[in-house]
């Protein structure tokens, strides 16, 4: 299943299922998700969290099972996680996703 990022006529970020044409409003529009993303930088710095740990934490804090298919939310998450990981001096292999480390 693939999704296309788009905007609704009211300006909200939405994801459209390419197979069915159905859409859902991005979790990036949710205030709780935005608040958690705002706390993500500190969480990564305090816990030296890799992307998996940070992703699980965001899902837990937002009481959701996943947001990986939501391009807007994923990009928002990954940009903040990557900046925090670099600032925390995390090994570049971990930031690049090399699971051997």
PDB file of N, CA and C in Angstrom:
ATOM      1  N   UNK A   1       0.849  -1.167   0.000  1.00  0.00           N
ATOM      2  CA  UNK A   1       0.000   0.000   0.000  1.00  0.00           C
ATOM      3  C   UNK A   1       0.897   1.234   0.000  1.00  0.00           C
ATOM      4  N   UNK A   2       0.650   2.121  -0.941  1.00  0.00           N
ATOM      5  CA  UNK A   2       1.422   3.353  -0.998  1.00  0.00           C
ATOM      6  C   UNK A   2       0.488   4.540  -0.817  1.00  0.00           C
ATOM      7  N   UNK A   3       1.075   5.590  -0.303  1.00  0.00           N
ATOM      8  CA  UNK A   3       0.314   6.792  -0.020  1.00  0.00           C
ATOM      9  C   UNK A   3       0.967   7.986  -0.695  1.00  0.00           C
ATOM     10  N   UNK A   4       0.157   8.966  -1.021  1.00  0.00           N
ATOM     11  CA  UNK A   4       0.638  10.220  -1.586  1.00  0.00           C
ATOM     12  C   UNK A   4       0.294  11.338  -0.626  1.00  0.00           C
ATOM     13  N   UNK A   5       1.275  12.166  -0.344  1.00  0.00           N
ATOM     14  CA  UNK A   5       1.040  13.320   0.525  1.00  0.00           C
ATOM     15  C   UNK A   5       0.320  14.404  -0.283  1.00  0.00           C
ATOM     16  N   UNK A   6      -0.658  15.043   0.354  1.00  0.00           N
ATOM     17  CA  UNK A   6      -1.423  16.091  -0.320  1.00  0.00           C
ATOM     18  C   UNK A   6      -1.978  17.053   0.730  1.00  0.00           C
ATOM     19  N   UNK A   7      -2.719  18.031   0.282  1.00  0.00           N
ATOM     20  CA  UNK A   7      -3.400  18.973   1.172  1.00  0.00           C
ATOM     21  C   UNK A   7      -4.885  18.957   0.860  1.00  0.00           C
ATOM     22  N   UNK A   8      -5.709  19.047   1.900  1.00  0.00           N
ATOM     23  CA  UNK A   8      -7.156  19.124   1.699  1.00  0.00           C
ATOM     24  C   UNK A   8      -7.518  20.538   1.246  1.00  0.00           C
ATOM     25  N   UNK A   9      -8.764  20.733   0.868  1.00  0.00           N
ATOM     26  CA  UNK A   9      -9.182  22.065   0.433  1.00  0.00           C
ATOM     27  C   UNK A   9      -9.168  23.068   1.588  1.00  0.00           C
ATOM     28  N   UNK A  10      -9.114  22.568   2.826  1.00  0.00           N
ATOM     29  CA  UNK A  10      -9.030  23.457   3.984  1.00  0.00           C
ATOM     30  C   UNK A  10      -7.585  23.679   4.430  1.00  0.00           C
ATOM     31  N   UNK A  11      -6.631  23.076   3.695  1.00  0.00           N
ATOM     32  CA  UNK A  11      -5.220  23.290   4.001  1.00  0.00           C
ATOM     33  C   UNK A  11      -4.600  22.282   4.952  1.00  0.00           C
ATOM     34  N   UNK A  12      -5.357  21.272   5.351  1.00  0.00           N
ATOM     35  CA  UNK A  12      -4.804  20.250   6.245  1.00  0.00           C
ATOM     36  C   UNK A  12      -3.950  19.271   5.453  1.00  0.00           C
ATOM     37  N   UNK A  13      -2.902  18.773   6.105  1.00  0.00           N
ATOM     38  CA  UNK A  13      -2.055  17.762   5.482  1.00  0.00           C
ATOM     39  C   UNK A  13      -2.789  16.428   5.511  1.00  0.00           C
ATOM     40  N   UNK A  14      -2.906  15.789   4.355  1.00  0.00           N
ATOM     41  CA  UNK A  14      -3.591  14.504   4.267  1.00  0.00           C
ATOM     42  C   UNK A  14      -2.712  13.506   3.521  1.00  0.00           C
ATOM     43  N   UNK A  15      -3.031  12.227   3.699  1.00  0.00           N
ATOM     44  CA  UNK A  15      -2.374  11.145   2.977  1.00  0.00           C
ATOM     45  C   UNK A  15      -3.458  10.425   2.186  1.00  0.00           C
ATOM     46  N   UNK A  16      -3.212  10.191   0.887  1.00  0.00           N
ATOM     47  CA  UNK A  16      -4.180   9.521   0.022  1.00  0.00           C
ATOM     48  C   UNK A  16      -3.652   8.132  -0.325  1.00  0.00           C
ATOM     49  N   UNK A  17      -4.477   7.121  -0.108  1.00  0.00           N
ATOM     50  CA  UNK A  17      -4.132   5.744  -0.472  1.00  0.00           C
ATOM     51  C   UNK A  17      -4.203   5.644  -1.996  1.00  0.00           C
ATOM     52  N   UNK A  18      -3.105   5.300  -2.638  1.00  0.00           N
ATOM     53  CA  UNK A  18      -3.056   5.255  -4.098  1.00  0.00           C
ATOM     54  C   UNK A  18      -3.931   4.160  -4.697  1.00  0.00           C
ATOM     55  N   UNK A  19      -4.215   3.119  -3.927  1.00  0.00           N
ATOM     56  CA  UNK A  19      -5.023   2.023  -4.451  1.00  0.00           C
ATOM     57  C   UNK A  19      -6.514   2.278  -4.319  1.00  0.00           C
ATOM     58  N   UNK A  20      -6.935   2.821  -3.187  1.00  0.00           N
ATOM     59  CA  UNK A  20      -8.373   2.980  -2.933  1.00  0.00           C
ATOM     60  C   UNK A  20      -8.873   4.402  -3.142  1.00  0.00           C
ATOM     61  N   UNK A  21      -7.975   5.370  -3.094  1.00  0.00           N
ATOM     62  CA  UNK A  21      -8.387   6.766  -3.200  1.00  0.00           C
ATOM     63  C   UNK A  21      -8.859   7.342  -1.883  1.00  0.00           C
ATOM     64  N   UNK A  22      -8.937   6.495  -0.849  1.00  0.00           N
ATOM     65  CA  UNK A  22      -9.347   6.985   0.471  1.00  0.00           C
ATOM     66  C   UNK A  22      -8.215   7.818   1.066  1.00  0.00           C
ATOM     67  N   UNK A  23      -8.578   8.702   1.971  1.00  0.00           N
ATOM     68  CA  UNK A  23      -7.557   9.547   2.576  1.00  0.00           C
ATOM     69  C   UNK A  23      -7.733   9.612   4.083  1.00  0.00           C
ATOM     70  N   UNK A  24      -6.663  10.028   4.749  1.00  0.00           N
ATOM     71  CA  UNK A  24      -6.734  10.286   6.179  1.00  0.00           C
ATOM     72  C   UNK A  24      -5.942  11.550   6.468  1.00  0.00           C
ATOM     73  N   UNK A  25      -6.354  12.247   7.505  1.00  0.00           N
ATOM     74  CA  UNK A  25      -5.658  13.456   7.925  1.00  0.00           C
ATOM     75  C   UNK A  25      -4.370  13.038   8.623  1.00  0.00           C
ATOM     76  N   UNK A  26      -3.295  13.679   8.276  1.00  0.00           N
ATOM     77  CA  UNK A  26      -1.992  13.358   8.859  1.00  0.00           C
ATOM     78  C   UNK A  26      -1.990  13.561  10.369  1.00  0.00           C
ATOM     79  N   UNK A  27      -1.301  12.663  11.081  1.00  0.00           N
ATOM     80  CA  UNK A  27      -1.124  12.808  12.530  1.00  0.00           C
ATOM     81  C   UNK A  27      -0.323  14.076  12.835  1.00  0.00           C
ATOM     82  N   UNK A  28       0.375  14.602  11.842  1.00  0.00           N
ATOM     83  CA  UNK A  28       1.124  15.845  12.019  1.00  0.00           C
ATOM     84  C   UNK A  28       0.192  17.026  12.291  1.00  0.00           C
ATOM     85  N   UNK A  29      -1.102  16.862  12.036  1.00  0.00           N
ATOM     86  CA  UNK A  29      -2.093  17.895  12.348  1.00  0.00           C
ATOM     87  C   UNK A  29      -2.555  17.822  13.805  1.00  0.00           C
ATOM     88  N   UNK A  30      -2.186  16.752  14.504  1.00  0.00           N
ATOM     89  CA  UNK A  30      -2.629  16.530  15.875  1.00  0.00           C
ATOM     90  C   UNK A  30      -1.738  17.285  16.865  1.00  0.00           C
ATOM     91  N   UNK A  31      -2.342  18.015  17.786  1.00  0.00           N
ATOM     92  CA  UNK A  31      -1.574  18.833  18.732  1.00  0.00           C
ATOM     93  C   UNK A  31      -0.729  17.970  19.678  1.00  0.00           C
ATOM     94  N   UNK A  32      -1.235  16.805  20.064  1.00  0.00           N
ATOM     95  CA  UNK A  32      -0.452  15.920  20.933  1.00  0.00           C
ATOM     96  C   UNK A  32       0.805  15.455  20.216  1.00  0.00           C
ATOM     97  N   UNK A  33       0.663  15.041  18.967  1.00  0.00           N
ATOM     98  CA  UNK A  33       1.818  14.603  18.191  1.00  0.00           C
ATOM     99  C   UNK A  33       2.841  15.741  18.079  1.00  0.00           C
ATOM    100  N   UNK A  34       2.382  16.932  17.781  1.00  0.00           N
ATOM    101  CA  UNK A  34       3.294  18.077  17.654  1.00  0.00           C
ATOM    102  C   UNK A  34       3.994  18.368  18.977  1.00  0.00           C
ATOM    103  N   UNK A  35       3.283  18.261  20.094  1.00  0.00           N
ATOM    104  CA  UNK A  35       3.898  18.468  21.409  1.00  0.00           C
ATOM    105  C   UNK A  35       4.973  17.416  21.682  1.00  0.00           C
ATOM    106  N   UNK A  36       4.676  16.157  21.346  1.00  0.00           N
ATOM    107  CA  UNK A  36       5.642  15.077  21.570  1.00  0.00           C
ATOM    108  C   UNK A  36       6.873  15.276  20.686  1.00  0.00           C
ATOM    109  N   UNK A  37       6.664  15.667  19.445  1.00  0.00           N
ATOM    110  CA  UNK A  37       7.802  15.939  18.561  1.00  0.00           C
ATOM    111  C   UNK A  37       8.637  17.082  19.145  1.00  0.00           C
ATOM    112  N   UNK A  38       7.988  18.040  19.779  1.00  0.00           N
ATOM    113  CA  UNK A  38       8.702  19.121  20.446  1.00  0.00           C
ATOM    114  C   UNK A  38       9.559  18.641  21.612  1.00  0.00           C
ATOM    115  N   UNK A  39       9.160  17.538  22.238  1.00  0.00           N
ATOM    116  CA  UNK A  39       9.919  16.960  23.355  1.00  0.00           C
ATOM    117  C   UNK A  39      10.948  15.936  22.891  1.00  0.00           C
ATOM    118  N   UNK A  40      10.877  15.541  21.629  1.00  0.00           N
ATOM    119  CA  UNK A  40      11.729  14.480  21.104  1.00  0.00           C
ATOM    120  C   UNK A  40      13.210  14.812  21.202  1.00  0.00           C
ATOM    121  N   UNK A  41      13.564  16.050  20.935  1.00  0.00           N
ATOM    122  CA  UNK A  41      14.974  16.456  20.977  1.00  0.00           C
ATOM    123  C   UNK A  41      15.578  16.143  22.347  1.00  0.00           C
ATOM    124  N   UNK A  42      14.880  16.533  23.400  1.00  0.00           N
ATOM    125  CA  UNK A  42      15.369  16.277  24.758  1.00  0.00           C
ATOM    126  C   UNK A  42      15.380  14.782  25.073  1.00  0.00           C
ATOM    127  N   UNK A  43      14.370  14.053  24.613  1.00  0.00           N
ATOM    128  CA  UNK A  43      14.326  12.608  24.852  1.00  0.00           C
ATOM    129  C   UNK A  43      15.543  11.919  24.234  1.00  0.00           C
ATOM    130  N   UNK A  44      15.868  12.284  23.008  1.00  0.00           N
ATOM    131  CA  UNK A  44      17.017  11.674  22.331  1.00  0.00           C
ATOM    132  C   UNK A  44      18.307  12.025  23.061  1.00  0.00           C
ATOM    133  N   UNK A  45      18.447  13.285  23.426  1.00  0.00           N
ATOM    134  CA  UNK A  45      19.665  13.721  24.123  1.00  0.00           C
ATOM    135  C   UNK A  45      19.806  13.053  25.484  1.00  0.00           C
ATOM    136  N   UNK A  46      18.716  12.954  26.234  1.00  0.00           N
ATOM    137  CA  UNK A  46      18.762  12.380  27.579  1.00  0.00           C
ATOM    138  C   UNK A  46      18.959  10.866  27.577  1.00  0.00           C
ATOM    139  N   UNK A  47      18.464  10.183  26.534  1.00  0.00           N
ATOM    140  CA  UNK A  47      18.477   8.719  26.516  1.00  0.00           C
ATOM    141  C   UNK A  47      19.383   8.117  25.449  1.00  0.00           C
ATOM    142  N   UNK A  48      20.074   8.990  24.702  1.00  0.00           N
ATOM    143  CA  UNK A  48      20.913   8.513  23.595  1.00  0.00           C
ATOM    144  C   UNK A  48      20.106   7.550  22.722  1.00  0.00           C
ATOM    145  N   UNK A  49      18.880   7.952  22.405  1.00  0.00           N
ATOM    146  CA  UNK A  49      17.918   7.088  21.727  1.00  0.00           C
ATOM    147  C   UNK A  49      18.200   6.971  20.237  1.00  0.00           C
ATOM    148  N   UNK A  50      18.257   5.720  19.762  1.00  0.00           N
ATOM    149  CA  UNK A  50      18.351   5.516  18.322  1.00  0.00           C
ATOM    150  C   UNK A  50      16.968   5.749  17.721  1.00  0.00           C
ATOM    151  N   UNK A  51      16.861   5.659  16.402  1.00  0.00           N
ATOM    152  CA  UNK A  51      15.596   5.967  15.731  1.00  0.00           C
ATOM    153  C   UNK A  51      14.471   5.037  16.174  1.00  0.00           C
ATOM    154  N   UNK A  52      14.773   3.747  16.359  1.00  0.00           N
ATOM    155  CA  UNK A  52      13.736   2.796  16.778  1.00  0.00           C
ATOM    156  C   UNK A  52      13.196   3.129  18.166  1.00  0.00           C
ATOM    157  N   UNK A  53      14.099   3.412  19.082  1.00  0.00           N
ATOM    158  CA  UNK A  53      13.684   3.741  20.445  1.00  0.00           C
ATOM    159  C   UNK A  53      12.869   5.036  20.455  1.00  0.00           C
ATOM    160  N   UNK A  54      13.315   6.020  19.700  1.00  0.00           N
ATOM    161  CA  UNK A  54      12.612   7.303  19.637  1.00  0.00           C
ATOM    162  C   UNK A  54      11.236   7.128  18.993  1.00  0.00           C
ATOM    163  N   UNK A  55      11.166   6.334  17.928  1.00  0.00           N
ATOM    164  CA  UNK A  55       9.894   6.081  17.253  1.00  0.00           C
ATOM    165  C   UNK A  55       8.907   5.405  18.203  1.00  0.00           C
ATOM    166  N   UNK A  56       9.368   4.388  18.919  1.00  0.00           N
ATOM    167  CA  UNK A  56       8.508   3.699  19.885  1.00  0.00           C
ATOM    168  C   UNK A  56       8.026   4.653  20.963  1.00  0.00           C
ATOM    169  N   UNK A  57       8.907   5.540  21.418  1.00  0.00           N
ATOM    170  CA  UNK A  57       8.542   6.503  22.448  1.00  0.00           C
ATOM    171  C   UNK A  57       7.456   7.457  21.941  1.00  0.00           C
ATOM    172  N   UNK A  58       7.616   7.946  20.719  1.00  0.00           N
ATOM    173  CA  UNK A  58       6.608   8.851  20.153  1.00  0.00           C
ATOM    174  C   UNK A  58       5.266   8.132  20.054  1.00  0.00           C
ATOM    175  N   UNK A  59       5.270   6.899  19.554  1.00  0.00           N
ATOM    176  CA  UNK A  59       4.013   6.140  19.455  1.00  0.00           C
ATOM    177  C   UNK A  59       3.373   5.946  20.827  1.00  0.00           C
ATOM    178  N   UNK A  60       4.196   5.615  21.804  1.00  0.00           N
ATOM    179  CA  UNK A  60       3.672   5.410  23.160  1.00  0.00           C
ATOM    180  C   UNK A  60       3.085   6.703  23.727  1.00  0.00           C
ATOM    181  N   UNK A  61       3.803   7.790  23.573  1.00  0.00           N
ATOM    182  CA  UNK A  61       3.343   9.072  24.117  1.00  0.00           C
ATOM    183  C   UNK A  61       2.053   9.552  23.440  1.00  0.00           C
ATOM    184  N   UNK A  62       1.893   9.220  22.157  1.00  0.00           N
ATOM    185  CA  UNK A  62       0.705   9.644  21.403  1.00  0.00           C
ATOM    186  C   UNK A  62      -0.410   8.614  21.428  1.00  0.00           C
ATOM    187  N   UNK A  63      -0.130   7.456  22.034  1.00  0.00           N
ATOM    188  CA  UNK A  63      -1.096   6.361  22.106  1.00  0.00           C
ATOM    189  C   UNK A  63      -1.557   5.939  20.709  1.00  0.00           C
ATOM    190  N   UNK A  64      -0.571   5.740  19.827  1.00  0.00           N
ATOM    191  CA  UNK A  64      -0.826   5.257  18.471  1.00  0.00           C
ATOM    192  C   UNK A  64       0.085   4.067  18.210  1.00  0.00           C
ATOM    193  N   UNK A  65      -0.278   3.244  17.237  1.00  0.00           N
ATOM    194  CA  UNK A  65       0.540   2.063  16.952  1.00  0.00           C
ATOM    195  C   UNK A  65       1.623   2.343  15.915  1.00  0.00           C
ATOM    196  N   UNK A  66       1.374   3.267  15.000  1.00  0.00           N
ATOM    197  CA  UNK A  66       2.355   3.563  13.964  1.00  0.00           C
ATOM    198  C   UNK A  66       2.026   4.889  13.283  1.00  0.00           C
ATOM    199  N   UNK A  67       3.020   5.459  12.647  1.00  0.00           N
ATOM    200  CA  UNK A  67       2.801   6.607  11.775  1.00  0.00           C
ATOM    201  C   UNK A  67       3.767   6.561  10.591  1.00  0.00           C
ATOM    202  N   UNK A  68       4.365   5.408  10.359  1.00  0.00           N
ATOM    203  CA  UNK A  68       5.386   5.282   9.328  1.00  0.00           C
ATOM    204  C   UNK A  68       4.820   5.513   7.919  1.00  0.00           C
ATOM    205  N   UNK A  69       3.541   5.261   7.679  1.00  0.00           N
ATOM    206  CA  UNK A  69       2.944   5.486   6.360  1.00  0.00           C
ATOM    207  C   UNK A  69       2.531   6.939   6.145  1.00  0.00           C
ATOM    208  N   UNK A  70       2.646   7.736   7.182  1.00  0.00           N
ATOM    209  CA  UNK A  70       2.263   9.149   7.125  1.00  0.00           C
ATOM    210  C   UNK A  70       3.524   9.966   6.817  1.00  0.00           C
ATOM    211  N   UNK A  71       3.702  10.318   5.549  1.00  0.00           N
ATOM    212  CA  UNK A  71       4.939  10.994   5.126  1.00  0.00           C
ATOM    213  C   UNK A  71       5.222  12.268   5.900  1.00  0.00           C
ATOM    214  N   UNK A  72       4.199  13.080   6.132  1.00  0.00           N
ATOM    215  CA  UNK A  72       4.398  14.327   6.863  1.00  0.00           C
ATOM    216  C   UNK A  72       4.920  14.058   8.276  1.00  0.00           C
ATOM    217  N   UNK A  73       4.253  13.142   8.971  1.00  0.00           N
ATOM    218  CA  UNK A  73       4.638  12.835  10.348  1.00  0.00           C
ATOM    219  C   UNK A  73       6.014  12.186  10.392  1.00  0.00           C
ATOM    220  N   UNK A  74       6.274  11.254   9.475  1.00  0.00           N
ATOM    221  CA  UNK A  74       7.573  10.574   9.456  1.00  0.00           C
ATOM    222  C   UNK A  74       8.695  11.581   9.214  1.00  0.00           C
ATOM    223  N   UNK A  75       8.521  12.459   8.240  1.00  0.00           N
ATOM    224  CA  UNK A  75       9.560  13.456   7.952  1.00  0.00           C
ATOM    225  C   UNK A  75       9.786  14.381   9.139  1.00  0.00           C
ATOM    226  N   UNK A  76       8.699  14.777   9.781  1.00  0.00           N
ATOM    227  CA  UNK A  76       8.809  15.637  10.958  1.00  0.00           C
ATOM    228  C   UNK A  76       9.602  14.921  12.052  1.00  0.00           C
ATOM    229  N   UNK A  77       9.231  13.663  12.315  1.00  0.00           N
ATOM    230  CA  UNK A  77       9.923  12.860  13.314  1.00  0.00           C
ATOM    231  C   UNK A  77      11.396  12.695  12.963  1.00  0.00           C
ATOM    232  N   UNK A  78      11.677  12.241  11.754  1.00  0.00           N
ATOM    233  CA  UNK A  78      13.051  11.892  11.398  1.00  0.00           C
ATOM    234  C   UNK A  78      13.967  13.117  11.380  1.00  0.00           C
ATOM    235  N   UNK A  79      13.462  14.247  10.912  1.00  0.00           N
ATOM    236  CA  UNK A  79      14.280  15.472  10.906  1.00  0.00           C
ATOM    237  C   UNK A  79      14.696  15.860  12.318  1.00  0.00           C
ATOM    238  N   UNK A  80      13.752  15.814  13.253  1.00  0.00           N
ATOM    239  CA  UNK A  80      14.070  16.177  14.642  1.00  0.00           C
ATOM    240  C   UNK A  80      14.996  15.131  15.250  1.00  0.00           C
ATOM    241  N   UNK A  81      14.697  13.844  15.021  1.00  0.00           N
ATOM    242  CA  UNK A  81      15.555  12.800  15.585  1.00  0.00           C
ATOM    243  C   UNK A  81      16.983  12.925  15.056  1.00  0.00           C
ATOM    244  N   UNK A  82      17.141  13.134  13.770  1.00  0.00           N
ATOM    245  CA  UNK A  82      18.472  13.222  13.179  1.00  0.00           C
ATOM    246  C   UNK A  82      19.257  14.412  13.743  1.00  0.00           C
ATOM    247  N   UNK A  83      18.619  15.562  13.851  1.00  0.00           N
ATOM    248  CA  UNK A  83      19.285  16.739  14.428  1.00  0.00           C
ATOM    249  C   UNK A  83      19.690  16.483  15.872  1.00  0.00           C
ATOM    250  N   UNK A  84      18.805  15.865  16.635  1.00  0.00           N
ATOM    251  CA  UNK A  84      19.107  15.583  18.042  1.00  0.00           C
ATOM    252  C   UNK A  84      20.235  14.573  18.162  1.00  0.00           C
ATOM    253  N   UNK A  85      20.215  13.543  17.328  1.00  0.00           N
ATOM    254  CA  UNK A  85      21.259  12.516  17.367  1.00  0.00           C
ATOM    255  C   UNK A  85      22.619  13.110  17.010  1.00  0.00           C
ATOM    256  N   UNK A  86      22.649  13.969  16.012  1.00  0.00           N
ATOM    257  CA  UNK A  86      23.911  14.616  15.633  1.00  0.00           C
ATOM    258  C   UNK A  86      24.411  15.521  16.747  1.00  0.00           C
ATOM    259  N   UNK A  87      23.517  16.284  17.351  1.00  0.00           N
ATOM    260  CA  UNK A  87      23.913  17.184  18.448  1.00  0.00           C
ATOM    261  C   UNK A  87      24.400  16.416  19.664  1.00  0.00           C
ATOM    262  N   UNK A  88      23.824  15.232  19.880  1.00  0.00           N
ATOM    263  CA  UNK A  88      24.215  14.414  21.031  1.00  0.00           C
ATOM    264  C   UNK A  88      25.521  13.671  20.767  1.00  0.00           C
ATOM    265  N   UNK A  89      26.056  13.800  19.559  1.00  0.00           N
ATOM    266  CA  UNK A  89      27.309  13.132  19.236  1.00  0.00           C
ATOM    267  C   UNK A  89      27.163  11.643  18.988  1.00  0.00           C
ATOM    268  N   UNK A  90      25.959  11.234  18.597  1.00  0.00           N
ATOM    269  CA  UNK A  90      25.717   9.824  18.323  1.00  0.00           C
ATOM    270  C   UNK A  90      26.574   9.382  17.137  1.00  0.00           C
ATOM    271  N   UNK A  91      27.028   8.147  17.175  1.00  0.00           N
ATOM    272  CA  UNK A  91      27.857   7.589  16.120  1.00  0.00           C
ATOM    273  C   UNK A  91      27.153   7.742  14.771  1.00  0.00           C
ATOM    274  N   UNK A  92      27.884   8.190  13.758  1.00  0.00           N
ATOM    275  CA  UNK A  92      27.283   8.415  12.444  1.00  0.00           C
ATOM    276  C   UNK A  92      26.727   7.147  11.827  1.00  0.00           C
ATOM    277  N   UNK A  93      27.293   5.986  12.155  1.00  0.00           N
ATOM    278  CA  UNK A  93      26.771   4.725  11.627  1.00  0.00           C
ATOM    279  C   UNK A  93      25.363   4.462  12.146  1.00  0.00           C
ATOM    280  N   UNK A  94      25.110   4.852  13.387  1.00  0.00           N
ATOM    281  CA  UNK A  94      23.769   4.675  13.953  1.00  0.00           C
ATOM    282  C   UNK A  94      22.802   5.637  13.278  1.00  0.00           C
ATOM    283  N   UNK A  95      23.225   6.877  13.088  1.00  0.00           N
ATOM    284  CA  UNK A  95      22.377   7.862  12.431  1.00  0.00           C
ATOM    285  C   UNK A  95      22.067   7.423  11.000  1.00  0.00           C
ATOM    286  N   UNK A  96      23.044   6.820  10.340  1.00  0.00           N
ATOM    287  CA  UNK A  96      22.842   6.364   8.964  1.00  0.00           C
ATOM    288  C   UNK A  96      22.011   5.087   8.888  1.00  0.00           C
ATOM    289  N   UNK A  97      21.714   4.469  10.016  1.00  0.00           N
ATOM    290  CA  UNK A  97      20.871   3.290  10.041  1.00  0.00           C
ATOM    291  C   UNK A  97      21.610   1.974   9.931  1.00  0.00           C
ATOM    292  N   UNK A  98      22.906   1.974  10.184  1.00  0.00           N
ATOM    293  CA  UNK A  98      23.668   0.730  10.128  1.00  0.00           C
ATOM    294  C   UNK A  98      23.408  -0.062  11.407  1.00  0.00           C
ATOM    295  N   UNK A  99      22.634  -1.131  11.299  1.00  0.00           N
ATOM    296  CA  UNK A  99      22.200  -1.889  12.474  1.00  0.00           C
ATOM    297  C   UNK A  99      23.294  -2.720  13.116  1.00  0.00           C
ATOM    298  N   UNK A 100      24.477  -2.748  12.535  1.00  0.00           N
ATOM    299  CA  UNK A 100      25.570  -3.531  13.132  1.00  0.00           C
ATOM    300  C   UNK A 100      26.123  -2.852  14.384  1.00  0.00           C
ATOM    301  N   UNK A 101      25.759  -1.606  14.631  1.00  0.00           N
ATOM    302  CA  UNK A 101      26.320  -0.854  15.768  1.00  0.00           C
ATOM    303  C   UNK A 101      25.337  -0.771  16.885  1.00  0.00           C
TER     304      UNK A 101
END
